Amino acid sequence: MENYKIKQSNFIYLIIISIVFANLFIGWAFQNLRIFSLPINEIMIFLLLTQIKPFIIIDYLKKVVKIFPYIFWLIFGFIYLVLGFTTEGVWALRDGSHVIDSLYLIIGFFIISNKKNYNNLFIHLKYFTWIGLIYLLLFPIKGAIQGFLPTIAGTAGYGVRISVFNYTSISTTWIWLGFFVAFNYQKENLNIFIHKIIPILLICFTVILFQSRSNYISIMGILIFYGTYGNVGKKIFLYPFIFLFIIFLISLFEFQIEGRIGVVSMAFFSEHIMSLFGFSSERTLAASGTVDQRMIWVKELYKESFSSISRFFFGAGYGKPLIDFGIGSGVIAREPHNSFLSLYSKMGLIGTIVWTYMHLHFFRTWNKYYQYSKLNNMNDDKNKLLGFMSFILMILISGISNSMFAQTWIASIYYLFWGIIFRICFNIEIEKKEIKTSY
């Protein structure tokens, strides 16, 4: 019987780590895979929850984090899902996927519930880093590779398809892996390569190739956050200067590197950053135009939120498009490219407060155990908490200009990583008690 439980636990771990890999590296295409017309991420949630005893895990979570706000968020959200489904049908499930994906927190806590799986997770994350580098090296021939592989159709578009080997979501993965390996794997033989070169390659080339303003803001936000945590800031604050030096060399030797929007140069990045504030140039005209469009959405949605008392406090609910805007190739945007505005528009002031209150306790728990691990020289735990927090921060900061939680590949990993963070905190709590009893 004991042997069966071990095999079952190992099998569940393999399923979860496969889901993590698929979401991080296939992203948009994976989230659009469907079984019996249902998204694969959501199907896997409910299949896994039947196998991992979620109520026992919730009892464990209570020992490190105030769990009531999370439970209330789930109950509140599922009420919206049921009400939305009765009137709007399947679109309510699509729009309410954020609530469903938040169940991945429980699965994240489970994935490292024993020592073997704990060690395996960080071994696999190291493998993911090497795979990320392979993706980077294959970027110049991505078109040829994509042409040979199957494609996935999107739910919001008409005839829109994307290869399973795609780069639409890989920038988030590269940035996170870059920060994660900067803090972890301190005892590796290839210490200099892992801690110095890999982060620079993954983070700097993401900025160069993808030319995304949300990436600029996310990276700077992460650097500022870690700048408040002692020696951490001294090390990683070199990254912006290294990036500027790389851009200087590219400009000096007149390399013509074509990014997502324009040719890489110091002038381009300066103009692209200024487009955040509505300033435009010939090279960034399209980018600055999107700022104006998004401000129109913000004004419209805030105006609608004050149209009635129920709309202000409880939002529009799930299933109704917040906006109706064609963005090309048959895709109809339903979200205003702002995660927090989407949350407020769908669930009103009450839902926004519930979600925010839940996160205040999440961050309070992270900080409590980070500070404990730092004071007690628990460097391995401290670095892992920092590594996972970089993903959390990146998603929250990017949420200012993107509908991050509407993407199930992002939301599922986001909450799964919170679960892993809390399991690390739980392990620290156990170790604290063992130290006390030994005296």
Protein backbone atom coordinates (compact mmCIF):
# COMPACT_ATOMS: atom_id res chain seq x y z
CA MET A 1 0.00 0.00 0.00
CA GLU A 2 2.82 2.39 0.89
CA ASN A 3 4.60 1.56 -2.37
CA TYR A 4 1.41 2.33 -4.32
CA LYS A 5 1.12 5.77 -2.65
CA ILE A 6 4.73 6.59 -3.55
CA LYS A 7 4.16 5.60 -7.19
CA GLN A 8 0.94 7.59 -7.28
CA SER A 9 2.66 10.66 -5.83
CA ASN A 10 5.48 10.38 -8.38
CA PHE A 11 2.99 10.02 -11.24
CA ILE A 12 1.03 13.08 -10.11
CA TYR A 13 4.28 15.02 -9.84
CA LEU A 14 5.18 14.13 -13.44
CA ILE A 15 1.77 15.33 -14.62
CA ILE A 16 2.13 18.64 -12.77
CA ILE A 17 5.69 19.31 -13.95
CA SER A 18 4.58 18.53 -17.50
CA ILE A 19 1.79 21.11 -17.15
CA VAL A 20 4.32 23.64 -15.84
CA PHE A 21 6.62 22.97 -18.80
CA ALA A 22 3.80 23.15 -21.36
CA ASN A 23 2.49 26.44 -19.98
CA LEU A 24 5.93 28.05 -19.72
CA PHE A 25 7.19 26.99 -23.15
CA ILE A 26 4.07 26.50 -25.29
CA GLY A 27 1.95 29.03 -23.44
CA TRP A 28 -0.79 30.48 -25.62
CA ALA A 29 -0.99 27.37 -27.82
CA PHE A 30 -1.21 25.01 -24.82
CA GLN A 31 -3.95 26.97 -23.09
CA ASN A 32 -6.05 26.66 -26.25
CA LEU A 33 -5.80 22.88 -26.36
CA ARG A 34 -9.25 21.49 -25.60
CA ILE A 35 -10.69 18.12 -24.66
CA PHE A 36 -14.42 17.81 -25.31
CA SER A 37 -14.42 21.58 -25.93
CA LEU A 38 -12.99 22.25 -22.43
CA PRO A 39 -9.56 23.96 -21.93
CA ILE A 40 -6.86 21.52 -20.88
CA ASN A 41 -5.57 23.64 -17.95
CA GLU A 42 -8.98 23.71 -16.31
CA ILE A 43 -9.58 20.00 -16.93
CA MET A 44 -6.26 19.15 -15.27
CA ILE A 45 -7.13 21.23 -12.21
CA PHE A 46 -10.19 19.17 -11.38
CA LEU A 47 -8.55 15.84 -12.24
CA LEU A 48 -5.60 16.64 -9.97
CA LEU A 49 -7.77 17.90 -7.12
CA THR A 50 -9.49 14.50 -7.00
CA GLN A 51 -6.11 12.90 -6.34
CA ILE A 52 -4.33 15.16 -3.84
CA LYS A 53 -6.76 15.60 -0.91
CA PRO A 54 -7.21 19.38 -1.17
CA PHE A 55 -8.92 19.83 2.22
CA ILE A 56 -5.91 18.33 4.01
CA ILE A 57 -3.65 20.69 2.05
CA ILE A 58 -5.82 23.64 3.09
CA ASP A 59 -5.32 22.61 6.73
CA TYR A 60 -1.56 22.69 6.15
CA LEU A 61 -1.81 26.07 4.44
CA LYS A 62 -3.51 27.49 7.56
CA LYS A 63 -0.28 26.98 9.48
CA VAL A 64 1.61 29.57 7.41
CA VAL A 65 -0.91 31.88 5.72
CA LYS A 66 -4.27 33.35 6.66
CA ILE A 67 -6.39 31.13 4.44
CA PHE A 68 -9.83 32.73 4.89
CA PRO A 69 -9.30 35.48 2.24
CA TYR A 70 -8.29 32.81 -0.31
CA ILE A 71 -11.31 30.63 0.49
CA PHE A 72 -13.61 33.66 0.36
CA TRP A 73 -12.11 34.63 -3.03
CA LEU A 74 -12.88 31.14 -4.37
CA ILE A 75 -16.45 31.12 -3.05
CA PHE A 76 -17.10 34.66 -4.27
CA GLY A 77 -15.64 33.87 -7.69
CA PHE A 78 -17.52 30.60 -8.19
CA ILE A 79 -20.78 32.35 -7.36
CA TYR A 80 -20.01 34.73 -10.24
CA LEU A 81 -19.20 31.77 -12.47
CA VAL A 82 -22.50 30.03 -11.78
CA LEU A 83 -24.55 33.20 -12.21
CA GLY A 84 -22.68 34.10 -15.39
CA PHE A 85 -23.04 30.63 -16.88
CA THR A 86 -26.82 30.64 -16.40
CA THR A 87 -27.17 33.82 -18.48
CA GLU A 88 -24.09 34.00 -20.75
CA GLY A 89 -23.20 30.35 -21.21
CA VAL A 90 -19.67 29.13 -21.91
CA TRP A 91 -18.24 32.67 -22.23
CA ALA A 92 -18.71 33.05 -18.48
CA LEU A 93 -16.36 30.10 -17.93
CA ARG A 94 -13.85 31.66 -20.28
CA ASP A 95 -14.01 35.07 -18.58
CA GLY A 96 -13.98 33.48 -15.11
CA SER A 97 -10.96 31.25 -15.78
CA HIS A 98 -8.97 33.45 -13.36
CA VAL A 99 -10.98 32.09 -10.42
CA ILE A 100 -10.68 28.48 -11.64
CA ASP A 101 -6.93 28.84 -12.21
CA SER A 102 -6.44 30.12 -8.66
CA LEU A 103 -7.07 26.51 -7.53
CA TYR A 104 -3.58 25.79 -8.84
CA LEU A 105 -2.31 27.26 -5.55
CA ILE A 106 -3.38 24.03 -3.82
CA ILE A 107 -1.65 21.96 -6.51
CA GLY A 108 1.52 24.04 -6.15
CA PHE A 109 1.61 23.32 -2.43
CA PHE A 110 1.29 19.61 -3.17
CA ILE A 111 3.99 19.35 -5.86
CA ILE A 112 6.87 19.58 -3.35
CA SER A 113 5.09 17.82 -0.48
CA ASN A 114 7.89 15.26 -0.11
CA LYS A 115 11.67 15.51 -0.21
CA LYS A 116 12.08 13.62 -3.48
CA ASN A 117 9.64 15.80 -5.39
CA TYR A 118 11.12 18.92 -3.77
CA ASN A 119 14.57 18.04 -5.13
CA ASN A 120 13.16 16.94 -8.49
CA LEU A 121 11.35 20.23 -8.99
CA PHE A 122 14.53 22.27 -8.81
CA ILE A 123 16.39 19.78 -10.98
CA HIS A 124 13.65 20.12 -13.60
CA LEU A 125 13.70 23.91 -13.35
CA LYS A 126 17.42 23.75 -14.13
CA TYR A 127 16.59 21.67 -17.21
CA PHE A 128 13.99 24.29 -18.14
CA THR A 129 16.76 26.89 -18.11
CA TRP A 130 18.78 24.92 -20.65
CA ILE A 131 15.67 24.46 -22.78
CA GLY A 132 15.15 28.22 -22.58
CA LEU A 133 18.65 28.71 -23.97
CA ILE A 134 17.89 26.28 -26.80
CA TYR A 135 14.77 28.30 -27.63
CA LEU A 136 16.96 31.40 -27.69
CA LEU A 137 19.47 29.82 -30.09
CA LEU A 138 16.66 28.60 -32.37
CA PHE A 139 15.01 32.02 -32.55
CA PRO A 140 16.64 33.00 -35.90
CA ILE A 141 15.05 29.95 -37.60
CA LYS A 142 11.74 29.98 -35.73
CA GLY A 143 9.74 30.45 -38.94
CA ALA A 144 11.12 27.28 -40.50
CA ILE A 145 10.46 25.27 -37.33
CA GLN A 146 6.93 26.56 -36.90
CA GLY A 147 6.08 25.61 -40.46
CA PHE A 148 6.68 21.91 -39.78
CA LEU A 149 4.73 21.66 -36.53
CA PRO A 150 0.96 21.45 -35.86
CA THR A 151 -1.01 24.58 -35.04
CA ILE A 152 -3.65 25.39 -32.45
CA ALA A 153 -6.74 27.52 -33.06
CA GLY A 154 -7.62 30.32 -30.64
CA THR A 155 -11.03 30.59 -28.96
CA ALA A 156 -11.39 34.35 -29.43
CA GLY A 157 -10.33 34.52 -33.06
CA TYR A 158 -11.70 33.29 -36.32
CA GLY A 159 -9.24 31.16 -38.24
CA VAL A 160 -6.40 32.33 -36.01
CA ARG A 161 -3.83 29.61 -35.50
CA ILE A 162 -0.41 29.44 -33.88
CA SER A 163 2.35 26.86 -33.87
CA VAL A 164 2.96 24.76 -30.78
CA PHE A 165 6.57 25.98 -31.03
CA ASN A 166 5.92 29.68 -30.60
CA TYR A 167 7.40 32.78 -29.05
CA THR A 168 4.22 34.63 -28.09
CA SER A 169 4.67 33.71 -24.43
CA ILE A 170 8.33 32.78 -24.17
CA SER A 171 9.50 36.28 -23.18
CA THR A 172 7.87 35.92 -19.75
CA THR A 173 9.53 32.53 -19.30
CA TRP A 174 12.97 33.80 -20.33
CA ILE A 175 12.86 36.76 -17.95
CA TRP A 176 11.71 34.64 -15.03
CA LEU A 177 14.30 31.90 -15.64
CA GLY A 178 16.97 34.58 -15.90
CA PHE A 179 16.12 35.98 -12.47
CA PHE A 180 15.55 32.53 -10.96
CA VAL A 181 19.00 31.17 -11.88
CA ALA A 182 20.60 34.44 -10.75
CA PHE A 183 19.56 33.53 -7.20
CA ASN A 184 19.68 29.73 -7.19
CA TYR A 185 21.99 26.78 -7.97
CA GLN A 186 24.82 28.32 -5.97
CA LYS A 187 26.65 24.98 -5.62
CA GLU A 188 26.76 24.16 -9.33
CA ASN A 189 30.12 23.47 -10.99
CA LEU A 190 29.27 25.94 -13.75
CA ASN A 191 28.68 28.66 -11.17
CA ILE A 192 29.92 31.64 -13.23
CA PHE A 193 28.06 30.56 -16.37
CA ILE A 194 24.79 29.88 -14.54
CA HIS A 195 24.79 32.97 -12.31
CA LYS A 196 26.36 35.52 -14.62
CA ILE A 197 26.00 34.60 -18.28
CA ILE A 198 22.63 32.80 -18.42
CA PRO A 199 20.68 35.62 -16.69
CA ILE A 200 22.26 38.18 -19.03
CA LEU A 201 21.47 36.11 -22.12
CA LEU A 202 17.88 35.37 -21.16
CA ILE A 203 16.92 38.81 -19.81
CA CYS A 204 18.85 41.07 -22.20
CA PHE A 205 17.98 39.19 -25.37
CA THR A 206 14.31 39.10 -24.34
CA VAL A 207 14.35 42.89 -24.19
CA ILE A 208 16.26 43.17 -27.48
CA LEU A 209 14.18 40.71 -29.50
CA PHE A 210 10.66 41.25 -28.14
CA GLN A 211 10.75 45.00 -27.56
CA SER A 212 7.82 44.98 -25.15
CA ARG A 213 7.12 47.94 -22.89
CA SER A 214 5.57 45.69 -20.26
CA ASN A 215 8.87 43.78 -20.14
CA TYR A 216 10.80 47.02 -19.57
CA ILE A 217 8.52 47.99 -16.70
CA SER A 218 8.51 44.48 -15.19
CA ILE A 219 12.28 44.15 -15.19
CA MET A 220 12.80 47.58 -13.64
CA GLY A 221 10.11 46.85 -11.05
CA ILE A 222 11.81 43.59 -10.09
CA LEU A 223 15.18 45.31 -9.84
CA ILE A 224 13.77 48.06 -7.62
CA PHE A 225 12.00 45.51 -5.41
CA TYR A 226 15.13 43.45 -4.93
CA GLY A 227 17.13 46.61 -4.40
CA THR A 228 15.39 46.83 -1.02
CA TYR A 229 16.67 43.41 0.03
CA GLY A 230 20.26 44.06 1.01
CA ASN A 231 23.03 42.52 -1.07
CA VAL A 232 20.61 41.25 -3.71
CA GLY A 233 20.27 44.69 -5.24
CA LYS A 234 24.03 45.19 -5.60
CA LYS A 235 24.39 42.15 -7.83
CA ILE A 236 21.44 42.40 -10.16
CA PHE A 237 21.52 46.17 -10.58
CA LEU A 238 24.44 45.56 -12.93
CA TYR A 239 22.00 44.12 -15.50
CA PRO A 240 20.76 47.48 -16.88
CA PHE A 241 24.35 48.63 -17.40
CA ILE A 242 25.23 45.37 -19.14
CA PHE A 243 22.19 45.79 -21.37
CA LEU A 244 23.17 49.35 -22.25
CA PHE A 245 26.71 48.16 -23.04
CA ILE A 246 25.32 45.46 -25.38
CA ILE A 247 23.16 48.05 -27.16
CA PHE A 248 26.18 50.36 -27.39
CA LEU A 249 28.22 47.59 -29.08
CA ILE A 250 25.39 46.80 -31.49
CA SER A 251 25.17 50.49 -32.45
CA LEU A 252 28.94 50.93 -32.59
CA PHE A 253 29.49 48.08 -35.02
CA GLU A 254 26.26 48.87 -36.89
CA PHE A 255 24.76 45.39 -36.53
CA GLN A 256 21.31 45.29 -38.11
CA ILE A 257 19.27 43.25 -35.61
CA GLU A 258 15.55 43.31 -36.33
CA GLY A 259 13.37 43.08 -33.25
CA ARG A 260 9.60 42.65 -32.95
CA ILE A 261 8.96 46.34 -33.75
CA GLY A 262 12.13 47.87 -35.13
CA VAL A 263 15.88 47.70 -35.64
CA VAL A 264 17.80 47.50 -32.37
CA SER A 265 19.53 50.74 -31.41
CA MET A 266 19.89 53.09 -28.47
CA ALA A 267 17.63 55.60 -30.20
CA PHE A 268 14.89 53.00 -30.75
CA PHE A 269 14.75 51.95 -27.09
CA SER A 270 14.75 55.55 -25.90
CA GLU A 271 11.83 56.36 -28.20
CA HIS A 272 9.98 53.15 -27.33
CA ILE A 273 10.23 53.86 -23.61
CA MET A 274 9.00 57.42 -24.18
CA SER A 275 5.99 56.01 -26.06
CA LEU A 276 4.76 54.81 -22.65
CA PHE A 277 3.91 58.44 -22.00
CA GLY A 278 2.26 59.02 -25.38
CA PHE A 279 5.31 60.45 -27.17
CA SER A 280 5.62 59.08 -30.69
CA SER A 281 8.20 58.90 -33.42
CA GLU A 282 8.21 57.35 -36.87
CA ARG A 283 9.64 54.12 -35.43
CA THR A 284 7.23 53.82 -32.50
CA LEU A 285 4.10 55.41 -33.91
CA ALA A 286 2.03 52.22 -33.67
CA ALA A 287 3.17 51.57 -30.08
CA SER A 288 2.29 55.07 -28.87
CA GLY A 289 -1.09 54.76 -30.56
CA THR A 290 -2.01 51.79 -28.37
CA VAL A 291 -1.52 53.97 -25.28
CA ASP A 292 -4.26 56.31 -26.52
CA GLN A 293 -6.57 53.38 -27.29
CA ARG A 294 -6.09 51.86 -23.84
CA MET A 295 -6.80 55.18 -22.16
CA ILE A 296 -10.10 55.29 -24.06
CA TRP A 297 -10.95 51.84 -22.64
CA VAL A 298 -10.04 52.96 -19.12
CA LYS A 299 -12.30 56.01 -19.33
CA GLU A 300 -15.19 54.01 -20.80
CA LEU A 301 -15.02 51.24 -18.21
CA TYR A 302 -14.74 53.61 -15.26
CA LYS A 303 -17.68 55.57 -16.62
CA GLU A 304 -19.73 52.37 -16.93
CA SER A 305 -18.77 51.28 -13.42
CA PHE A 306 -20.53 54.37 -12.03
CA SER A 307 -23.66 53.77 -14.10
CA SER A 308 -25.40 52.01 -11.19
CA ILE A 309 -24.79 51.05 -7.57
CA SER A 310 -24.79 47.31 -8.38
CA ARG A 311 -22.28 47.80 -11.20
CA PHE A 312 -19.99 49.81 -8.91
CA PHE A 313 -20.00 47.29 -6.06
CA PHE A 314 -20.41 43.99 -7.96
CA GLY A 315 -19.28 44.66 -11.53
CA ALA A 316 -20.64 43.38 -14.83
CA GLY A 317 -20.11 39.72 -13.97
CA TYR A 318 -18.65 36.98 -16.17
CA GLY A 319 -19.58 36.34 -19.78
CA LYS A 320 -20.12 39.86 -21.07
CA PRO A 321 -17.30 41.46 -23.10
CA LEU A 322 -15.84 44.48 -21.34
CA ILE A 323 -14.79 45.88 -24.71
CA ASP A 324 -15.51 44.86 -28.28
CA PHE A 325 -12.48 45.76 -30.33
CA GLY A 326 -11.02 44.06 -33.40
CA ILE A 327 -7.24 43.75 -33.17
CA GLY A 328 -6.65 42.10 -36.54
CA SER A 329 -6.52 38.58 -37.99
CA GLY A 330 -10.08 37.95 -36.86
CA VAL A 331 -9.31 38.38 -33.16
CA ILE A 332 -11.85 40.23 -31.03
CA ALA A 333 -10.47 41.69 -27.80
CA ARG A 334 -12.81 41.36 -24.80
CA GLU A 335 -10.41 42.67 -22.14
CA PRO A 336 -9.01 46.22 -21.72
CA HIS A 337 -5.35 45.12 -21.52
CA ASN A 338 -5.25 45.87 -17.81
CA SER A 339 -5.66 43.00 -15.35
CA PHE A 340 -6.75 45.20 -12.45
CA LEU A 341 -9.25 47.14 -14.51
CA SER A 342 -10.67 43.83 -15.78
CA LEU A 343 -10.99 42.55 -12.23
CA TYR A 344 -12.77 45.73 -11.12
CA SER A 345 -15.05 45.80 -14.17
CA LYS A 346 -16.08 42.15 -13.80
CA MET A 347 -16.34 41.87 -10.00
CA GLY A 348 -16.75 45.46 -8.88
CA LEU A 349 -15.32 47.12 -5.82
CA ILE A 350 -16.16 44.14 -3.57
CA GLY A 351 -14.35 41.61 -5.75
CA THR A 352 -11.33 43.90 -6.11
CA ILE A 353 -11.10 44.33 -2.34
CA VAL A 354 -11.37 40.57 -1.77
CA TRP A 355 -8.58 39.83 -4.28
CA THR A 356 -6.36 42.62 -2.92
CA TYR A 357 -6.88 41.58 0.71
CA MET A 358 -5.96 38.01 -0.21
CA HIS A 359 -2.74 39.19 -1.81
CA LEU A 360 -1.82 41.39 1.13
CA HIS A 361 -1.75 38.24 3.26
CA PHE A 362 0.16 36.36 0.56
CA PHE A 363 2.91 38.99 0.52
CA ARG A 364 2.91 39.26 4.30
CA THR A 365 3.57 35.51 4.54
CA TRP A 366 6.31 35.65 1.90
CA ASN A 367 8.05 38.54 3.67
CA LYS A 368 7.78 36.89 7.10
CA TYR A 369 9.55 33.70 6.01
CA TYR A 370 11.96 35.47 3.69
CA GLN A 371 13.15 37.63 6.58
CA TYR A 372 13.38 34.57 8.87
CA SER A 373 15.44 32.63 6.32
CA LYS A 374 17.69 35.63 5.80
CA LEU A 375 18.31 36.18 9.52
CA ASN A 376 19.01 32.50 10.11
CA ASN A 377 21.33 32.01 7.12
CA MET A 378 18.89 29.66 5.38
CA ASN A 379 20.26 30.74 2.03
CA ASP A 380 18.74 27.95 -0.02
CA ASP A 381 15.20 28.75 1.14
CA LYS A 382 15.83 32.48 0.89
CA ASN A 383 17.02 32.25 -2.72
CA LYS A 384 14.13 30.04 -3.76
CA LEU A 385 11.65 32.49 -2.26
CA LEU A 386 13.34 35.29 -4.19
CA GLY A 387 13.35 33.27 -7.41
CA PHE A 388 9.64 32.51 -7.37
CA MET A 389 8.79 36.03 -6.26
CA SER A 390 10.35 37.38 -9.47
CA PHE A 391 7.61 35.62 -11.47
CA ILE A 392 4.89 36.92 -9.14
CA LEU A 393 6.15 40.49 -9.47
CA MET A 394 6.54 40.25 -13.22
CA ILE A 395 2.91 39.15 -13.70
CA LEU A 396 1.52 41.79 -11.33
CA ILE A 397 3.54 44.61 -12.90
CA SER A 398 2.74 43.45 -16.45
CA GLY A 399 -0.91 43.37 -15.42
CA ILE A 400 -0.93 47.18 -15.60
CA SER A 401 -0.72 47.01 -19.40
CA ASN A 402 -1.88 43.45 -20.20
CA SER A 403 -4.74 41.11 -19.34
CA MET A 404 -2.41 38.67 -17.60
CA PHE A 405 -5.01 36.73 -15.59
CA ALA A 406 -7.23 36.25 -18.63
CA GLN A 407 -4.45 34.03 -20.01
CA THR A 408 -4.78 30.65 -18.32
CA TRP A 409 -1.17 29.71 -19.00
CA ILE A 410 -0.10 32.73 -16.94
CA ALA A 411 -2.75 32.54 -14.20
CA SER A 412 -2.23 28.80 -13.62
CA ILE A 413 1.55 29.17 -13.18
CA TYR A 414 1.11 32.34 -11.11
CA TYR A 415 -1.05 30.61 -8.50
CA LEU A 416 0.92 27.35 -8.69
CA PHE A 417 4.05 29.32 -7.79
CA TRP A 418 2.24 30.90 -4.84
CA GLY A 419 1.49 27.36 -3.68
CA ILE A 420 5.17 26.41 -3.99
CA ILE A 421 6.13 29.55 -2.04
CA PHE A 422 3.77 28.58 0.77
CA ARG A 423 5.13 25.03 0.85
CA ILE A 424 8.65 26.41 1.26
CA CYS A 425 7.29 28.61 4.07
CA PHE A 426 5.62 25.54 5.60
CA ASN A 427 8.95 23.66 5.52
CA ILE A 428 10.64 26.61 7.24
CA GLU A 429 7.91 26.61 9.89
CA ILE A 430 8.48 22.91 10.57
CA GLU A 431 12.21 23.50 10.86
CA LYS A 432 11.59 26.37 13.30
CA LYS A 433 9.57 24.08 15.56
CA GLU A 434 12.21 21.34 15.40
CA ILE A 435 14.88 23.83 16.46
CA LYS A 436 12.73 24.99 19.42
CA THR A 437 12.07 21.45 20.63
CA SER A 438 15.76 20.56 20.44
CA TYR A 439 16.63 23.17 23.10
